Amino acid sequence: SNGLTYDKVGNLIIAEHSGRKISKLSPEGKYSMIVDNYKGTPLNSPNDVIVDSRGVIYFTDPPYGRPKDATDTLSFNGVYKFSNGKLELIADDLYRPNGIALSPDERSLYVANSGQPKQIIKYPISRSGKIGKGKVFFDASELSGDGNPDGIKVDTQGNIFATGPGGVLVLTEKGELLGTIKFPETPANLAFGGHDKKTLFVTARTGLYSIRLK
């Protein structure tokens, strides 16, 4: 597994890298598969996953965990929406769609594109749930330092915390870079936690880090 999240009833939703599927684990420990193909073709290698307040699942599907000898494969790396038993392709034009997050009002979807160009793409979501065309929200291609856009989370004020060149980038909802939180090694993913959700936990190449936020 790679990306993990919970839905509102406590199921652990899992992006299975080598399993090539999205699955869930109930609070009682019951495991089940949610989706493993797009129009009959196996998914590449689901990377990150989120669930909105209505139970809609969004996930990215780059090829990182796909077997090298796989022959029955998709010709693109997608971003998907799964709702009411149906899988919808949101985007098929990103080089390596990776981290994924929603704005607090669930009207904007953010997707990190690893590799070149190193960008975060923003997709508008209508009140009815329809996804609009994505636009570049932030371009990190010219920033110095190791790391790619990978893990991404949004705080209650709409600020975006995203791994990228040099550490964890902190952006306003308008795409302005407030600063970079630096770590001893290159960050990959992140999550808010602690009793008040003001601790940022960060996974890196070999270590797990935490930092208290204001």
C-alpha atoms as a PDB file:
ATOM      1  CA  SER A   1       0.000   0.000   0.000  1.00  0.00           C
ATOM      2  CA  ASN A   2       1.011   3.625  -0.449  1.00  0.00           C
ATOM      3  CA  GLY A   3      -1.657   6.305   0.149  1.00  0.00           C
ATOM      4  CA  LEU A   4      -4.020   5.848   3.102  1.00  0.00           C
ATOM      5  CA  THR A   5      -7.086   7.731   4.312  1.00  0.00           C
ATOM      6  CA  TYR A   6     -10.261   7.201   6.310  1.00  0.00           C
ATOM      7  CA  ASP A   7     -13.849   7.681   5.193  1.00  0.00           C
ATOM      8  CA  LYS A   8     -16.458   9.200   7.506  1.00  0.00           C
ATOM      9  CA  VAL A   9     -17.563   5.828   8.911  1.00  0.00           C
ATOM     10  CA  GLY A  10     -14.049   4.733   9.818  1.00  0.00           C
ATOM     11  CA  ASN A  11     -13.068   2.508   6.920  1.00  0.00           C
ATOM     12  CA  LEU A  12      -9.378   2.681   6.041  1.00  0.00           C
ATOM     13  CA  ILE A  13      -9.190   3.375   2.297  1.00  0.00           C
ATOM     14  CA  ILE A  14      -6.002   1.984   0.755  1.00  0.00           C
ATOM     15  CA  ALA A  15      -4.182   2.816  -2.486  1.00  0.00           C
ATOM     16  CA  GLU A  16      -2.507  -0.500  -3.269  1.00  0.00           C
ATOM     17  CA  HIS A  17       0.687   0.022  -5.250  1.00  0.00           C
ATOM     18  CA  SER A  18       1.570  -3.549  -6.182  1.00  0.00           C
ATOM     19  CA  GLY A  19      -2.017  -4.757  -5.777  1.00  0.00           C
ATOM     20  CA  ARG A  20      -3.063  -2.254  -8.470  1.00  0.00           C
ATOM     21  CA  LYS A  21      -6.354  -1.406  -6.784  1.00  0.00           C
ATOM     22  CA  ILE A  22      -8.218   0.728  -4.271  1.00  0.00           C
ATOM     23  CA  SER A  23      -9.415  -1.309  -1.308  1.00  0.00           C
ATOM     24  CA  LYS A  24     -10.793  -0.806   2.189  1.00  0.00           C
ATOM     25  CA  LEU A  25     -10.404  -2.229   5.653  1.00  0.00           C
ATOM     26  CA  SER A  26     -13.405  -1.877   7.969  1.00  0.00           C
ATOM     27  CA  PRO A  27     -13.053  -0.936  11.657  1.00  0.00           C
ATOM     28  CA  GLU A  28     -13.752  -4.622  12.385  1.00  0.00           C
ATOM     29  CA  GLY A  29     -10.894  -5.724  10.125  1.00  0.00           C
ATOM     30  CA  LYS A  30     -12.904  -6.875   7.093  1.00  0.00           C
ATOM     31  CA  TYR A  31     -10.975  -6.362   3.846  1.00  0.00           C
ATOM     32  CA  SER A  32     -12.623  -5.736   0.457  1.00  0.00           C
ATOM     33  CA  MET A  33     -11.708  -4.438  -2.975  1.00  0.00           C
ATOM     34  CA  ILE A  34     -13.321  -1.204  -4.214  1.00  0.00           C
ATOM     35  CA  VAL A  35     -12.008  -0.849  -7.781  1.00  0.00           C
ATOM     36  CA  ASP A  36      -9.157  -2.449  -9.738  1.00  0.00           C
ATOM     37  CA  ASN A  37      -9.711  -1.524 -13.399  1.00  0.00           C
ATOM     38  CA  TYR A  38     -10.725   1.204 -15.819  1.00  0.00           C
ATOM     39  CA  LYS A  39     -13.018  -0.028 -18.601  1.00  0.00           C
ATOM     40  CA  GLY A  40     -11.706  -3.559 -18.167  1.00  0.00           C
ATOM     41  CA  THR A  41      -7.984  -2.728 -18.103  1.00  0.00           C
ATOM     42  CA  PRO A  42      -6.136  -3.094 -14.783  1.00  0.00           C
ATOM     43  CA  LEU A  43      -5.163   0.116 -13.029  1.00  0.00           C
ATOM     44  CA  ASN A  44      -1.473   1.055 -13.135  1.00  0.00           C
ATOM     45  CA  SER A  45      -0.483   1.453  -9.490  1.00  0.00           C
ATOM     46  CA  PRO A  46      -2.772   3.591  -7.283  1.00  0.00           C
ATOM     47  CA  ASN A  47      -0.619   6.036  -5.356  1.00  0.00           C
ATOM     48  CA  ASP A  48      -2.645   8.432  -3.210  1.00  0.00           C
ATOM     49  CA  VAL A  49      -6.312   8.551  -2.221  1.00  0.00           C
ATOM     50  CA  ILE A  50      -8.785  10.889  -0.490  1.00  0.00           C
ATOM     51  CA  VAL A  51     -12.491  10.745   0.384  1.00  0.00           C
ATOM     52  CA  ASP A  52     -14.849  13.723   0.518  1.00  0.00           C
ATOM     53  CA  SER A  53     -17.693  14.294   3.004  1.00  0.00           C
ATOM     54  CA  ARG A  54     -20.165  12.487   0.738  1.00  0.00           C
ATOM     55  CA  GLY A  55     -18.016   9.395   0.439  1.00  0.00           C
ATOM     56  CA  VAL A  56     -16.695  10.121  -3.064  1.00  0.00           C
ATOM     57  CA  ILE A  57     -13.205   8.678  -3.573  1.00  0.00           C
ATOM     58  CA  TYR A  58     -10.500  10.476  -5.583  1.00  0.00           C
ATOM     59  CA  PHE A  59      -7.175   8.826  -6.404  1.00  0.00           C
ATOM     60  CA  THR A  60      -4.078   9.034  -8.601  1.00  0.00           C
ATOM     61  CA  ASP A  61      -2.673   6.190 -10.679  1.00  0.00           C
ATOM     62  CA  PRO A  62       0.979   6.524 -11.815  1.00  0.00           C
ATOM     63  CA  PRO A  63       3.009   3.447 -12.849  1.00  0.00           C
ATOM     64  CA  TYR A  64       5.500   3.287  -9.958  1.00  0.00           C
ATOM     65  CA  GLY A  65       4.403  -0.062  -8.518  1.00  0.00           C
ATOM     66  CA  ARG A  66       3.252  -1.717 -11.728  1.00  0.00           C
ATOM     67  CA  PRO A  67       5.178  -4.880 -12.697  1.00  0.00           C
ATOM     68  CA  LYS A  68       7.745  -4.135 -15.399  1.00  0.00           C
ATOM     69  CA  ASP A  69       6.592  -7.139 -17.406  1.00  0.00           C
ATOM     70  CA  ALA A  70       2.904  -6.150 -17.311  1.00  0.00           C
ATOM     71  CA  THR A  71       1.344  -6.242 -20.785  1.00  0.00           C
ATOM     72  CA  ASP A  72      -2.328  -5.444 -20.198  1.00  0.00           C
ATOM     73  CA  THR A  73      -1.777  -1.811 -19.178  1.00  0.00           C
ATOM     74  CA  LEU A  74      -3.335   1.591 -19.615  1.00  0.00           C
ATOM     75  CA  SER A  75      -1.657   3.993 -22.043  1.00  0.00           C
ATOM     76  CA  PHE A  76      -1.828   6.912 -19.604  1.00  0.00           C
ATOM     77  CA  ASN A  77      -1.406   7.798 -15.929  1.00  0.00           C
ATOM     78  CA  GLY A  78      -4.748   8.914 -14.593  1.00  0.00           C
ATOM     79  CA  VAL A  79      -6.574  10.864 -11.928  1.00  0.00           C
ATOM     80  CA  TYR A  80      -9.913   9.296 -11.010  1.00  0.00           C
ATOM     81  CA  LYS A  81     -13.186   9.820  -9.187  1.00  0.00           C
ATOM     82  CA  PHE A  82     -15.114   6.824  -7.825  1.00  0.00           C
ATOM     83  CA  SER A  83     -18.733   7.427  -6.838  1.00  0.00           C
ATOM     84  CA  ASN A  84     -21.821   5.211  -6.589  1.00  0.00           C
ATOM     85  CA  GLY A  85     -19.956   2.247  -8.005  1.00  0.00           C
ATOM     86  CA  LYS A  86     -18.744   4.116 -11.106  1.00  0.00           C
ATOM     87  CA  LEU A  87     -15.172   5.096 -11.988  1.00  0.00           C
ATOM     88  CA  GLU A  88     -14.705   8.403 -13.815  1.00  0.00           C
ATOM     89  CA  LEU A  89     -11.446   9.535 -15.430  1.00  0.00           C
ATOM     90  CA  ILE A  90     -10.696  13.130 -14.404  1.00  0.00           C
ATOM     91  CA  ALA A  91      -7.359  13.597 -16.189  1.00  0.00           C
ATOM     92  CA  ASP A  92      -5.040  11.558 -18.417  1.00  0.00           C
ATOM     93  CA  ASP A  93      -2.503  14.247 -19.362  1.00  0.00           C
ATOM     94  CA  LEU A  94      -0.214  14.344 -16.307  1.00  0.00           C
ATOM     95  CA  TYR A  95       3.257  12.801 -16.442  1.00  0.00           C
ATOM     96  CA  ARG A  96       3.187  11.350 -12.907  1.00  0.00           C
ATOM     97  CA  PRO A  97       0.024  12.206 -10.942  1.00  0.00           C
ATOM     98  CA  ASN A  98       0.896  11.671  -7.298  1.00  0.00           C
ATOM     99  CA  GLY A  99      -0.429  13.372  -4.141  1.00  0.00           C
ATOM    100  CA  ILE A 100      -4.061  14.484  -4.083  1.00  0.00           C
ATOM    101  CA  ALA A 101      -6.087  16.763  -1.772  1.00  0.00           C
ATOM    102  CA  LEU A 102      -9.327  18.741  -1.513  1.00  0.00           C
ATOM    103  CA  SER A 103      -9.931  22.327  -0.407  1.00  0.00           C
ATOM    104  CA  PRO A 104     -11.942  22.762   2.841  1.00  0.00           C
ATOM    105  CA  ASP A 105     -15.133  23.592   0.885  1.00  0.00           C
ATOM    106  CA  GLU A 106     -14.501  20.625  -1.467  1.00  0.00           C
ATOM    107  CA  ARG A 107     -14.789  22.887  -4.507  1.00  0.00           C
ATOM    108  CA  SER A 108     -11.144  22.504  -5.574  1.00  0.00           C
ATOM    109  CA  LEU A 109      -9.090  19.366  -6.181  1.00  0.00           C
ATOM    110  CA  TYR A 110      -5.285  19.581  -6.009  1.00  0.00           C
ATOM    111  CA  VAL A 111      -3.015  17.029  -7.711  1.00  0.00           C
ATOM    112  CA  ALA A 112       0.780  16.935  -7.462  1.00  0.00           C
ATOM    113  CA  ASN A 113       2.615  16.086 -10.694  1.00  0.00           C
ATOM    114  CA  SER A 114       6.000  14.506  -9.997  1.00  0.00           C
ATOM    115  CA  GLY A 115       8.812  14.813 -12.539  1.00  0.00           C
ATOM    116  CA  GLN A 116       8.932  17.501 -15.197  1.00  0.00           C
ATOM    117  CA  PRO A 117       7.203  19.803 -15.033  1.00  0.00           C
ATOM    118  CA  LYS A 118       7.118  19.824 -11.226  1.00  0.00           C
ATOM    119  CA  GLN A 119       3.671  21.294 -10.738  1.00  0.00           C
ATOM    120  CA  ILE A 120       0.529  21.254  -8.633  1.00  0.00           C
ATOM    121  CA  ILE A 121      -2.623  21.218 -10.765  1.00  0.00           C
ATOM    122  CA  LYS A 122      -5.957  22.569  -9.528  1.00  0.00           C
ATOM    123  CA  TYR A 123      -9.320  21.267 -10.767  1.00  0.00           C
ATOM    124  CA  PRO A 124     -12.590  23.122 -10.030  1.00  0.00           C
ATOM    125  CA  ILE A 125     -15.511  21.089  -8.684  1.00  0.00           C
ATOM    126  CA  SER A 126     -19.083  22.294  -9.190  1.00  0.00           C
ATOM    127  CA  ARG A 127     -21.763  22.017  -6.522  1.00  0.00           C
ATOM    128  CA  SER A 128     -23.152  19.013  -8.361  1.00  0.00           C
ATOM    129  CA  GLY A 129     -19.740  17.325  -8.235  1.00  0.00           C
ATOM    130  CA  LYS A 130     -18.690  17.824 -11.853  1.00  0.00           C
ATOM    131  CA  ILE A 131     -14.925  18.215 -12.345  1.00  0.00           C
ATOM    132  CA  GLY A 132     -13.695  21.045 -14.556  1.00  0.00           C
ATOM    133  CA  LYS A 133     -10.516  21.433 -16.583  1.00  0.00           C
ATOM    134  CA  GLY A 134      -7.307  21.558 -14.554  1.00  0.00           C
ATOM    135  CA  LYS A 135      -4.965  24.546 -14.484  1.00  0.00           C
ATOM    136  CA  VAL A 136      -1.466  25.007 -13.078  1.00  0.00           C
ATOM    137  CA  PHE A 137      -1.831  26.148  -9.469  1.00  0.00           C
ATOM    138  CA  PHE A 138       1.874  26.250  -8.607  1.00  0.00           C
ATOM    139  CA  ASP A 139       5.013  25.517 -10.644  1.00  0.00           C
ATOM    140  CA  ALA A 140       7.935  24.277  -8.557  1.00  0.00           C
ATOM    141  CA  SER A 141      10.185  23.437 -11.505  1.00  0.00           C
ATOM    142  CA  GLU A 142      12.610  26.307 -10.861  1.00  0.00           C
ATOM    143  CA  LEU A 143      12.920  25.838  -7.104  1.00  0.00           C
ATOM    144  CA  SER A 144      16.265  24.574  -5.825  1.00  0.00           C
ATOM    145  CA  GLY A 145      16.728  21.477  -3.705  1.00  0.00           C
ATOM    146  CA  ASP A 146      15.952  17.788  -3.888  1.00  0.00           C
ATOM    147  CA  GLY A 147      12.421  16.487  -4.037  1.00  0.00           C
ATOM    148  CA  ASN A 148       9.320  16.408  -6.211  1.00  0.00           C
ATOM    149  CA  PRO A 149       5.706  17.400  -5.722  1.00  0.00           C
ATOM    150  CA  ASP A 150       4.468  14.269  -3.965  1.00  0.00           C
ATOM    151  CA  GLY A 151       2.410  14.282  -0.769  1.00  0.00           C
ATOM    152  CA  ILE A 152      -0.076  17.129  -0.329  1.00  0.00           C
ATOM    153  CA  LYS A 153      -2.504  18.224   2.396  1.00  0.00           C
ATOM    154  CA  VAL A 154      -4.710  21.287   2.987  1.00  0.00           C
ATOM    155  CA  ASP A 155      -5.327  22.954   6.355  1.00  0.00           C
ATOM    156  CA  THR A 156      -8.646  24.366   7.584  1.00  0.00           C
ATOM    157  CA  GLN A 157      -7.741  27.853   6.300  1.00  0.00           C
ATOM    158  CA  GLY A 158      -7.101  26.546   2.793  1.00  0.00           C
ATOM    159  CA  ASN A 159      -3.303  26.695   2.911  1.00  0.00           C
ATOM    160  CA  ILE A 160      -1.589  23.923   0.971  1.00  0.00           C
ATOM    161  CA  PHE A 161       1.266  21.906   2.495  1.00  0.00           C
ATOM    162  CA  ALA A 162       3.063  20.014  -0.262  1.00  0.00           C
ATOM    163  CA  THR A 163       6.360  18.215  -0.526  1.00  0.00           C
ATOM    164  CA  GLY A 164       8.599  19.651  -3.220  1.00  0.00           C
ATOM    165  CA  PRO A 165      12.115  20.833  -4.003  1.00  0.00           C
ATOM    166  CA  GLY A 166      13.844  21.720  -0.741  1.00  0.00           C
ATOM    167  CA  GLY A 167      11.267  20.381   1.727  1.00  0.00           C
ATOM    168  CA  VAL A 168       7.589  20.983   2.472  1.00  0.00           C
ATOM    169  CA  LEU A 169       6.223  23.970   0.562  1.00  0.00           C
ATOM    170  CA  VAL A 170       3.530  26.057   2.282  1.00  0.00           C
ATOM    171  CA  LEU A 171       1.217  27.824  -0.181  1.00  0.00           C
ATOM    172  CA  THR A 172      -1.814  30.078   0.164  1.00  0.00           C
ATOM    173  CA  GLU A 173      -5.061  29.158  -1.574  1.00  0.00           C
ATOM    174  CA  LYS A 174      -4.026  31.686  -4.250  1.00  0.00           C
ATOM    175  CA  GLY A 175      -0.830  29.765  -4.989  1.00  0.00           C
ATOM    176  CA  GLU A 176       1.576  32.134  -3.207  1.00  0.00           C
ATOM    177  CA  LEU A 177       4.616  30.477  -1.608  1.00  0.00           C
ATOM    178  CA  LEU A 178       4.737  31.434   2.092  1.00  0.00           C
ATOM    179  CA  GLY A 179       7.865  29.435   2.822  1.00  0.00           C
ATOM    180  CA  THR A 180       9.540  26.036   2.919  1.00  0.00           C
ATOM    181  CA  ILE A 181       9.890  23.756   5.941  1.00  0.00           C
ATOM    182  CA  LYS A 182      13.234  22.003   5.627  1.00  0.00           C
ATOM    183  CA  PHE A 183      14.084  18.520   6.900  1.00  0.00           C
ATOM    184  CA  PRO A 184      17.320  16.496   7.278  1.00  0.00           C
ATOM    185  CA  GLU A 185      16.275  14.366   4.296  1.00  0.00           C
ATOM    186  CA  THR A 186      13.921  14.641   1.331  1.00  0.00           C
ATOM    187  CA  PRO A 187      10.218  14.485   2.359  1.00  0.00           C
ATOM    188  CA  ALA A 188       7.784  12.274   0.469  1.00  0.00           C
ATOM    189  CA  ASN A 189       4.427  12.456   2.236  1.00  0.00           C
ATOM    190  CA  LEU A 190       2.735  14.249   5.115  1.00  0.00           C
ATOM    191  CA  ALA A 191      -0.337  14.365   7.336  1.00  0.00           C
ATOM    192  CA  PHE A 192      -1.813  16.471  10.123  1.00  0.00           C
ATOM    193  CA  GLY A 193      -2.233  14.771  13.510  1.00  0.00           C
ATOM    194  CA  GLY A 194      -1.947  15.072  17.241  1.00  0.00           C
ATOM    195  CA  HIS A 195      -4.762  15.814  19.700  1.00  0.00           C
ATOM    196  CA  ASP A 196      -5.455  19.205  18.076  1.00  0.00           C
ATOM    197  CA  LYS A 197      -4.319  18.335  14.529  1.00  0.00           C
ATOM    198  CA  LYS A 198      -1.588  20.996  14.720  1.00  0.00           C
ATOM    199  CA  THR A 199       1.309  18.571  14.390  1.00  0.00           C
ATOM    200  CA  LEU A 200       2.593  17.915  10.902  1.00  0.00           C
ATOM    201  CA  PHE A 201       3.943  14.390  10.434  1.00  0.00           C
ATOM    202  CA  VAL A 202       6.292  13.871   7.497  1.00  0.00           C
ATOM    203  CA  THR A 203       7.667  10.687   5.973  1.00  0.00           C
ATOM    204  CA  ALA A 204      11.063  10.976   4.280  1.00  0.00           C
ATOM    205  CA  ARG A 205      13.527   8.601   2.631  1.00  0.00           C
ATOM    206  CA  THR A 206      14.367   6.701   5.820  1.00  0.00           C
ATOM    207  CA  GLY A 207      12.767   8.667   8.645  1.00  0.00           C
ATOM    208  CA  LEU A 208       9.502   9.856  10.161  1.00  0.00           C
ATOM    209  CA  TYR A 209       9.462  13.480  11.396  1.00  0.00           C
ATOM    210  CA  SER A 210       7.043  15.749  13.231  1.00  0.00           C
ATOM    211  CA  ILE A 211       6.823  19.497  13.677  1.00  0.00           C
ATOM    212  CA  ARG A 212       4.381  21.582  15.723  1.00  0.00           C
ATOM    213  CA  LEU A 213       2.614  24.245  13.695  1.00  0.00           C
ATOM    214  CA  LYS A 214       1.273  27.603  14.849  1.00  0.00           C
END
